[in-house]
Protein backbone atom coordinates (compact mmCIF):
# COMPACT_ATOMS: atom_id res chain seq x y z
CA MET A 1 55.23 92.17 85.96
CA THR A 2 56.27 88.97 87.64
CA PRO A 3 54.94 88.11 91.11
CA GLY A 4 58.48 88.18 92.55
CA ARG A 5 59.13 91.66 91.21
CA ALA A 6 55.76 92.86 92.52
CA CYS A 7 56.63 91.55 95.99
CA ILE A 8 60.01 93.33 95.90
CA LEU A 9 58.39 96.62 94.87
CA ALA A 10 55.68 96.26 97.52
CA GLY A 11 58.32 95.53 100.16
CA ALA A 12 60.40 98.54 99.10
CA ALA A 13 57.33 100.78 99.27
CA LEU A 14 56.46 99.46 102.73
CA VAL A 15 59.99 99.98 104.06
CA SER A 16 60.15 103.57 102.77
CA THR A 17 56.83 104.70 104.28
CA GLY A 18 58.42 105.89 107.54
CA CYS A 19 61.17 107.92 105.86
CA GLY A 20 61.18 111.55 107.02
CA GLY A 21 57.81 111.33 108.74
CA GLY A 22 57.22 114.95 109.74
CA LEU A 23 59.43 116.69 107.22
CA PRO A 24 58.07 118.94 104.48
CA LEU A 25 59.24 117.67 101.10
CA LEU A 26 59.78 121.09 99.47
CA HIS A 27 59.29 119.75 95.94
CA PRO A 28 60.36 120.21 93.18
CA ALA A 29 63.90 119.04 93.91
CA ARG A 30 65.52 121.95 92.07
CA THR A 31 66.04 125.61 92.83
CA LEU A 32 63.15 127.90 91.99
CA PRO A 33 63.46 130.68 89.42
CA SER A 34 63.90 134.19 90.80
CA GLY A 35 60.69 135.48 92.39
CA GLU A 36 58.78 132.17 92.27
CA VAL A 37 57.27 131.09 95.60
CA ARG A 38 56.20 127.60 96.69
CA ALA A 39 54.42 126.80 99.95
CA SER A 40 52.91 123.73 101.57
CA ALA A 41 50.99 122.95 104.73
CA GLY A 42 49.45 119.90 106.31
CA PHE A 43 49.81 117.35 109.06
CA SER A 44 52.10 114.44 109.66
CA GLY A 45 51.31 111.57 111.95
CA SER A 46 53.08 108.87 113.88
CA VAL A 47 51.17 105.75 114.76
CA PRO A 48 52.80 102.94 116.72
CA VAL A 49 51.87 99.54 115.29
CA GLY A 50 52.64 95.91 116.05
CA SER A 51 54.67 95.25 119.17
CA LEU A 52 54.99 98.99 119.87
CA ALA A 53 51.21 99.37 120.11
CA SER A 54 51.08 96.24 122.28
CA ALA A 55 53.69 97.68 124.66
CA ILE A 56 51.63 100.86 125.10
CA ARG A 57 48.39 98.92 125.58
CA ASP A 58 50.03 96.57 128.11
CA ALA A 59 51.43 99.51 130.11
CA GLU A 60 48.02 101.22 130.17
CA SER A 61 46.32 98.06 131.42
CA ASP A 62 49.09 97.24 133.93
CA PRO A 63 47.30 96.65 137.26
CA ASN A 64 50.19 98.26 139.16
CA GLY A 65 50.01 101.37 136.96
CA GLY A 66 53.71 101.94 137.43
CA ALA A 67 53.30 101.81 141.23
CA ALA A 68 55.98 99.12 141.66
CA PRO A 69 59.27 100.25 143.17
CA GLN A 70 61.23 102.41 140.74
CA GLY A 71 62.81 100.37 137.94
CA GLN A 72 61.03 97.12 138.84
CA ASP A 73 57.99 97.21 136.55
CA PRO A 74 59.29 96.22 133.10
CA THR A 75 55.84 96.30 131.45
CA PHE A 76 55.21 99.90 132.46
CA ALA A 77 58.80 100.94 131.67
CA LYS A 78 58.65 99.44 128.17
CA GLY A 79 55.37 101.23 127.43
CA ALA A 80 56.74 104.54 128.74
CA LEU A 81 59.84 104.20 126.56
CA VAL A 82 57.72 103.52 123.48
CA VAL A 83 55.56 106.59 124.16
CA ALA A 84 58.66 108.74 124.69
CA SER A 85 60.43 107.55 121.54
CA ILE A 86 57.56 107.24 119.05
CA ALA A 87 55.56 110.34 120.10
CA PRO A 88 52.25 109.16 118.62
CA GLY A 89 49.87 111.78 117.31
CA LEU A 90 49.54 114.50 114.70
CA ALA A 91 51.99 117.32 114.14
CA PRO A 92 51.34 120.34 111.93
CA LEU A 93 53.83 121.11 109.19
CA GLY A 94 54.29 124.06 106.90
CA GLY A 95 56.98 125.37 104.67
CA ALA A 96 57.66 128.02 102.06
CA ARG A 97 60.54 128.91 99.82
CA VAL A 98 61.31 131.62 97.29
CA GLY A 99 63.77 131.75 94.43
CA VAL A 100 66.29 134.58 94.85
CA GLY A 101 68.26 134.12 91.61
CA TRP A 102 71.81 132.88 91.01
CA GLN A 103 70.42 129.35 91.34
CA ALA A 104 69.73 129.93 95.04
CA GLU A 105 66.61 130.14 97.18
CA GLY A 106 65.56 130.90 100.73
CA GLY A 107 62.98 129.07 102.76
CA LEU A 108 61.51 128.25 106.14
CA ALA A 109 59.91 125.07 107.39
CA TYR A 110 58.03 124.24 110.59
CA THR A 111 57.22 120.66 111.53
CA GLY A 112 55.32 121.11 114.80
CA ARG A 113 58.04 119.47 116.84
CA ALA A 114 61.09 121.44 115.73
CA VAL A 115 62.08 124.67 114.02
CA ARG A 116 64.58 124.22 111.20
């Protein structure tokens, strides 16, 4: 494999790591035969990195602690927005599905932050 191709594959893998963070995959990607059951359980995590982590750290170490007049502390506001949008931490996930025949199946999934 050429170095250029390796870099492209590594970049593609890195870009796709955040895809569907807390969603159960429900593999295989085909309907199950009648009566067959598949289940999965685990945890998913969100970790802010780079400038997002810096924004949170800066807001936590802000000497004003958000005590400036409302809307006038951009450091604290940026950190609060990152925490609200990224929701760092672990979330439980679980899912199960069963084949019901006629190339159909039923299933339930729980991701810790939403019921689907």
